[in-house]
Amino acid sequence: MKQNPITRPIGLEAACAEIERVCSQAPLYKRCGLRPPHLILPLDSGSGRTTFLEYMADSFRKAGVLPFRSGFEDYLEISLDGTLPQLRQAFASIDAAAVYTNRYSNMVALDISPLAQHLSESQLPEFLKNAKRICEDACVVFFVRSEPSRNEERLLEKLCEAVDHIQRLAVEPYRQEELCRILEKVLEDRGLEIRQREAFRRALAAWASEFAISCVKEAVAAAESLIPFADFSGFVPVVDAGSLEAMLRSRQRGAKRREGK
């Protein structure tokens, strides 16, 4: 059976390199019964978290780093809101995901930034106790914001004291070129052809500030906004620099109408 190639995320070079390093040592993990390190990733919501998790899970599965046999999903992605009831519910949902084993041992991703506002409350010891527990079986990624606050740094210190074998990765800001490549990939994934790609890229780079593309979420939104300006006259819809110009003119007309009201 032919397997589809794993798509490496655009950007996130250091994080992807760590996943590839772990996969290169897969025989050691399998032979010695080792588990990959847990990760702390300073990455904002809307900046490719889910894409990275899919890449990590696909890579670990293909290399045999993790067996992925405790539940239906390769990974669980959960955002904590900082409240104690939701915290307890989140860890209960992780436990419930263990369908074939007693404890969930696939991958778990937790956005823990909201907990930083509750360091002196009962949420913190409850979180640390459960984080340590699930880390004994699952491979866990802890997400925080790209520029953690002082309280977030304190939270991470507590987490590293409670959990063994945890590694903090660096995440470089997306370059404009990478965001433009993400926009192109979204268009192609939607079935569009990009014609005269170099001219398209030059136009996109020139108007990047107009399109306000500063993160993955905004690149995806810009790509989806561009789709209606494609040429649908052929068998395959086509976008080019002219499509960008049409989109820009439409935005400018809309802005003038709003100013005139």
Protein backbone atom coordinates (compact mmCIF):
# COMPACT_ATOMS: atom_id res chain seq x y z
CA MET A 1 0.00 0.00 0.00
CA LYS A 2 1.47 3.34 -1.08
CA GLN A 3 1.67 5.95 1.67
CA ASN A 4 1.14 9.64 1.01
CA PRO A 5 4.25 11.73 1.71
CA ILE A 6 4.24 13.72 4.93
CA THR A 7 3.93 17.45 4.31
CA ARG A 8 6.44 19.48 6.31
CA PRO A 9 4.96 22.73 7.66
CA ILE A 10 6.16 25.96 6.11
CA GLY A 11 8.23 27.77 8.73
CA LEU A 12 8.70 26.42 12.30
CA GLU A 13 12.16 25.23 11.28
CA ALA A 14 13.58 24.55 14.76
CA ALA A 15 10.45 22.69 15.90
CA CYS A 16 10.33 20.56 12.75
CA ALA A 17 14.06 19.83 13.05
CA GLU A 18 13.48 18.47 16.56
CA ILE A 19 10.73 16.16 15.31
CA GLU A 20 13.04 14.93 12.55
CA ARG A 21 15.85 14.37 15.09
CA VAL A 22 13.56 12.22 17.23
CA CYS A 23 12.39 10.26 14.18
CA SER A 24 16.02 9.60 13.18
CA GLN A 25 16.43 7.79 16.52
CA ALA A 26 13.22 5.77 16.18
CA PRO A 27 14.99 2.36 16.40
CA LEU A 28 16.38 3.36 19.79
CA TYR A 29 12.94 4.42 21.02
CA LYS A 30 11.38 1.15 19.87
CA ARG A 31 14.21 -1.13 21.07
CA CYS A 32 14.54 0.44 24.52
CA GLY A 33 10.90 1.32 25.09
CA LEU A 34 11.73 5.03 25.33
CA ARG A 35 9.32 7.88 24.71
CA PRO A 36 10.04 11.18 22.95
CA PRO A 37 10.44 14.33 25.04
CA HIS A 38 7.48 16.47 25.95
CA LEU A 39 7.64 19.87 24.29
CA ILE A 40 6.99 23.48 25.26
CA LEU A 41 6.24 25.49 22.14
CA PRO A 42 5.83 29.30 22.26
CA LEU A 43 3.41 29.63 19.34
CA ASP A 44 0.33 31.83 19.14
CA SER A 45 -3.08 30.45 18.28
CA GLY A 46 -3.63 30.86 14.54
CA SER A 47 0.08 30.42 13.79
CA GLY A 48 0.14 26.80 12.70
CA ARG A 49 -0.36 24.83 15.90
CA THR A 50 -2.66 22.20 14.41
CA THR A 51 -0.55 21.89 11.26
CA PHE A 52 2.51 21.23 13.42
CA LEU A 53 0.66 18.62 15.49
CA GLU A 54 -0.47 16.80 12.34
CA TYR A 55 3.11 16.80 11.05
CA MET A 56 4.41 15.56 14.41
CA ALA A 57 1.82 12.77 14.64
CA ASP A 58 2.31 11.66 11.03
CA SER A 59 6.10 11.66 11.43
CA PHE A 60 6.02 9.73 14.71
CA ARG A 61 3.59 7.19 13.28
CA LYS A 62 5.61 6.60 10.09
CA ALA A 63 8.91 6.32 11.98
CA GLY A 64 7.42 4.14 14.72
CA VAL A 65 8.35 6.55 17.52
CA LEU A 66 4.90 6.08 19.10
CA PRO A 67 2.56 3.09 18.64
CA PHE A 68 -0.66 5.18 18.61
CA ARG A 69 -2.82 2.37 19.89
CA SER A 70 -4.61 3.77 22.93
CA GLY A 71 -7.48 5.64 21.22
CA PHE A 72 -9.21 6.64 18.01
CA GLU A 73 -7.38 9.96 17.58
CA ASP A 74 -3.63 10.32 17.09
CA TYR A 75 -3.71 13.49 19.16
CA LEU A 76 -6.01 15.58 21.33
CA GLU A 77 -5.81 19.37 21.14
CA ILE A 78 -7.23 21.21 24.15
CA SER A 79 -7.26 24.89 25.13
CA LEU A 80 -7.53 25.55 28.85
CA ASP A 81 -9.51 28.62 29.89
CA GLY A 82 -7.98 28.94 33.36
CA THR A 83 -11.03 27.86 35.35
CA LEU A 84 -10.94 24.85 37.67
CA PRO A 85 -14.09 23.11 36.32
CA GLN A 86 -12.86 23.29 32.72
CA LEU A 87 -9.40 22.14 33.80
CA ARG A 88 -10.87 19.05 35.44
CA GLN A 89 -13.12 18.41 32.46
CA ALA A 90 -10.13 18.67 30.09
CA PHE A 91 -8.12 16.01 31.92
CA ALA A 92 -11.21 13.83 32.25
CA SER A 93 -11.64 13.99 28.46
CA ILE A 94 -8.02 12.87 28.03
CA ASP A 95 -8.66 9.89 30.31
CA ALA A 96 -11.86 9.07 28.41
CA ALA A 97 -9.96 9.02 25.10
CA ALA A 98 -8.12 5.86 26.23
CA VAL A 99 -10.36 3.38 24.41
CA TYR A 100 -8.01 0.43 24.01
CA THR A 101 -5.72 0.95 27.00
CA ASN A 102 -6.14 1.98 30.61
CA ARG A 103 -4.45 5.37 30.06
CA TYR A 104 -4.19 7.58 27.00
CA SER A 105 -0.73 7.20 25.44
CA ASN A 106 -0.96 8.98 22.09
CA MET A 107 -0.28 12.72 21.77
CA VAL A 108 -1.87 15.58 23.74
CA ALA A 109 -1.57 19.31 23.04
CA LEU A 110 -2.52 21.79 25.76
CA ASP A 111 -2.74 25.57 25.45
CA ILE A 112 -1.81 26.53 29.00
CA SER A 113 -1.36 30.33 28.75
CA PRO A 114 -4.68 31.17 30.49
CA LEU A 115 -3.49 29.32 33.60
CA ALA A 116 -0.81 31.99 34.10
CA GLN A 117 -3.46 34.28 35.57
CA HIS A 118 -4.23 31.77 38.35
CA LEU A 119 -0.83 30.89 39.80
CA SER A 120 -1.93 31.52 43.38
CA GLU A 121 -5.17 29.56 43.06
CA SER A 122 -6.06 25.89 43.27
CA GLN A 123 -5.87 25.52 39.49
CA LEU A 124 -2.07 25.41 39.54
CA PRO A 125 -1.53 22.36 41.80
CA GLU A 126 -4.44 20.61 40.07
CA PHE A 127 -2.85 21.25 36.68
CA LEU A 128 0.65 20.20 37.73
CA LYS A 129 -0.62 16.99 39.32
CA ASN A 130 -2.56 16.00 36.20
CA ALA A 131 0.11 17.18 33.77
CA LYS A 132 2.66 14.97 35.50
CA ARG A 133 0.20 12.07 35.39
CA ILE A 134 -0.65 12.24 31.68
CA CYS A 135 3.01 12.82 30.79
CA GLU A 136 3.80 9.38 32.20
CA ASP A 137 1.97 7.81 29.24
CA ALA A 138 1.24 10.36 26.52
CA CYS A 139 3.57 12.61 24.54
CA VAL A 140 2.49 16.14 25.46
CA VAL A 141 2.98 19.50 23.71
CA PHE A 142 2.40 22.54 25.91
CA PHE A 143 1.56 25.68 23.92
CA VAL A 144 2.13 29.18 25.25
CA ARG A 145 2.09 32.53 23.51
CA SER A 146 5.01 33.50 21.28
CA GLU A 147 6.02 36.19 23.78
CA PRO A 148 5.24 34.69 27.20
CA SER A 149 4.42 37.04 30.03
CA ARG A 150 6.26 36.97 33.35
CA ASN A 151 3.49 34.84 34.82
CA GLU A 152 3.69 32.44 31.89
CA GLU A 153 7.41 32.07 32.49
CA ARG A 154 6.72 31.28 36.15
CA LEU A 155 4.14 28.72 35.04
CA LEU A 156 6.68 27.08 32.75
CA GLU A 157 9.22 26.95 35.58
CA LYS A 158 6.70 25.11 37.75
CA LEU A 159 5.85 22.78 34.88
CA CYS A 160 9.49 21.90 34.24
CA GLU A 161 9.96 21.15 37.95
CA ALA A 162 6.94 18.81 37.95
CA VAL A 163 7.44 17.00 34.64
CA ASP A 164 10.53 15.01 33.63
CA HIS A 165 11.94 14.85 30.11
CA ILE A 166 10.47 18.13 28.91
CA GLN A 167 12.11 20.36 26.31
CA ARG A 168 11.46 23.98 25.41
CA LEU A 169 11.80 24.78 21.71
CA ALA A 170 12.49 28.11 20.07
CA VAL A 171 10.07 29.39 17.45
CA GLU A 172 11.18 32.04 14.99
CA PRO A 173 8.59 34.55 13.72
CA TYR A 174 7.23 33.73 10.29
CA ARG A 175 9.00 35.56 7.50
CA GLN A 176 6.88 37.32 4.89
CA GLU A 177 8.13 34.86 2.28
CA GLU A 178 6.89 31.92 4.37
CA LEU A 179 3.46 33.49 4.86
CA CYS A 180 3.19 34.04 1.10
CA ARG A 181 4.08 30.38 0.53
CA ILE A 182 1.37 29.36 2.99
CA LEU A 183 -1.13 31.49 1.05
CA GLU A 184 -0.08 29.77 -2.18
CA LYS A 185 -0.45 26.33 -0.60
CA VAL A 186 -3.97 27.14 0.59
CA LEU A 187 -4.95 28.17 -2.94
CA GLU A 188 -3.48 25.00 -4.44
CA ASP A 189 -5.11 22.82 -1.77
CA ARG A 190 -8.43 24.39 -2.81
CA GLY A 191 -7.80 23.27 -6.38
CA LEU A 192 -6.62 26.55 -7.92
CA GLU A 193 -3.69 27.02 -10.27
CA ILE A 194 -1.28 29.91 -9.74
CA ARG A 195 -0.24 31.26 -13.11
CA GLN A 196 2.97 33.26 -13.63
CA ARG A 197 4.03 32.42 -10.10
CA GLU A 198 7.01 34.78 -9.89
CA ALA A 199 4.91 37.79 -10.93
CA PHE A 200 2.24 36.65 -8.49
CA ARG A 201 4.79 36.49 -5.66
CA ARG A 202 6.20 39.92 -6.47
CA ALA A 203 2.73 41.44 -6.43
CA LEU A 204 1.84 39.68 -3.21
CA ALA A 205 5.04 40.84 -1.52
CA ALA A 206 4.40 44.41 -2.69
CA TRP A 207 0.90 44.40 -1.24
CA ALA A 208 1.55 42.34 1.87
CA SER A 209 0.87 45.28 4.19
CA GLU A 210 -2.39 45.99 2.37
CA PHE A 211 -3.50 42.40 2.89
CA ALA A 212 -2.33 42.55 6.55
CA ILE A 213 -0.69 39.12 6.53
CA SER A 214 1.28 38.66 9.73
CA CYS A 215 0.37 35.11 10.83
CA VAL A 216 -0.82 31.80 9.39
CA LYS A 217 -4.46 32.53 10.16
CA GLU A 218 -4.31 35.79 8.22
CA ALA A 219 -2.53 34.10 5.30
CA VAL A 220 -5.33 31.53 5.12
CA ALA A 221 -7.97 34.27 5.31
CA ALA A 222 -6.27 36.25 2.53
CA ALA A 223 -6.12 33.17 0.31
CA GLU A 224 -9.81 32.46 0.83
CA SER A 225 -10.65 36.10 0.11
CA LEU A 226 -8.71 35.84 -3.16
CA ILE A 227 -10.60 32.80 -4.46
CA PRO A 228 -13.65 34.79 -5.74
CA PHE A 229 -11.28 36.82 -7.94
CA ALA A 230 -9.94 33.74 -9.75
CA ASP A 231 -10.62 33.07 -13.42
CA PHE A 232 -13.19 30.24 -13.48
CA SER A 233 -13.58 30.16 -17.28
CA GLY A 234 -11.37 27.10 -17.72
CA PHE A 235 -11.42 23.56 -16.39
CA VAL A 236 -9.14 24.60 -13.50
CA PRO A 237 -9.67 27.99 -11.80
CA VAL A 238 -6.64 30.27 -12.14
CA VAL A 239 -5.24 33.11 -10.03
CA ASP A 240 -2.41 35.45 -11.02
CA ALA A 241 -1.15 38.94 -10.30
CA GLY A 242 -4.28 40.29 -11.98
CA SER A 243 -6.43 38.50 -9.43
CA LEU A 244 -4.50 40.26 -6.67
CA GLU A 245 -5.03 43.60 -8.39
CA ALA A 246 -8.77 42.96 -8.67
CA MET A 247 -8.95 42.00 -5.01
CA LEU A 248 -7.01 45.12 -4.01
CA ARG A 249 -9.28 47.39 -6.07
CA SER A 250 -12.33 45.78 -4.49
CA ARG A 251 -10.95 46.41 -1.01
CA GLN A 252 -10.15 50.02 -1.82
CA ARG A 253 -13.66 50.63 -3.20
CA GLY A 254 -15.13 49.08 -0.06
CA ALA A 255 -12.97 51.31 2.12
CA LYS A 256 -14.07 54.44 0.22
CA ARG A 257 -17.72 53.48 0.57
CA ARG A 258 -17.30 53.06 4.32
CA GLU A 259 -15.56 56.44 4.56
CA GLY A 260 -18.34 58.10 2.63
CA LYS A 261 -21.07 56.94 4.99
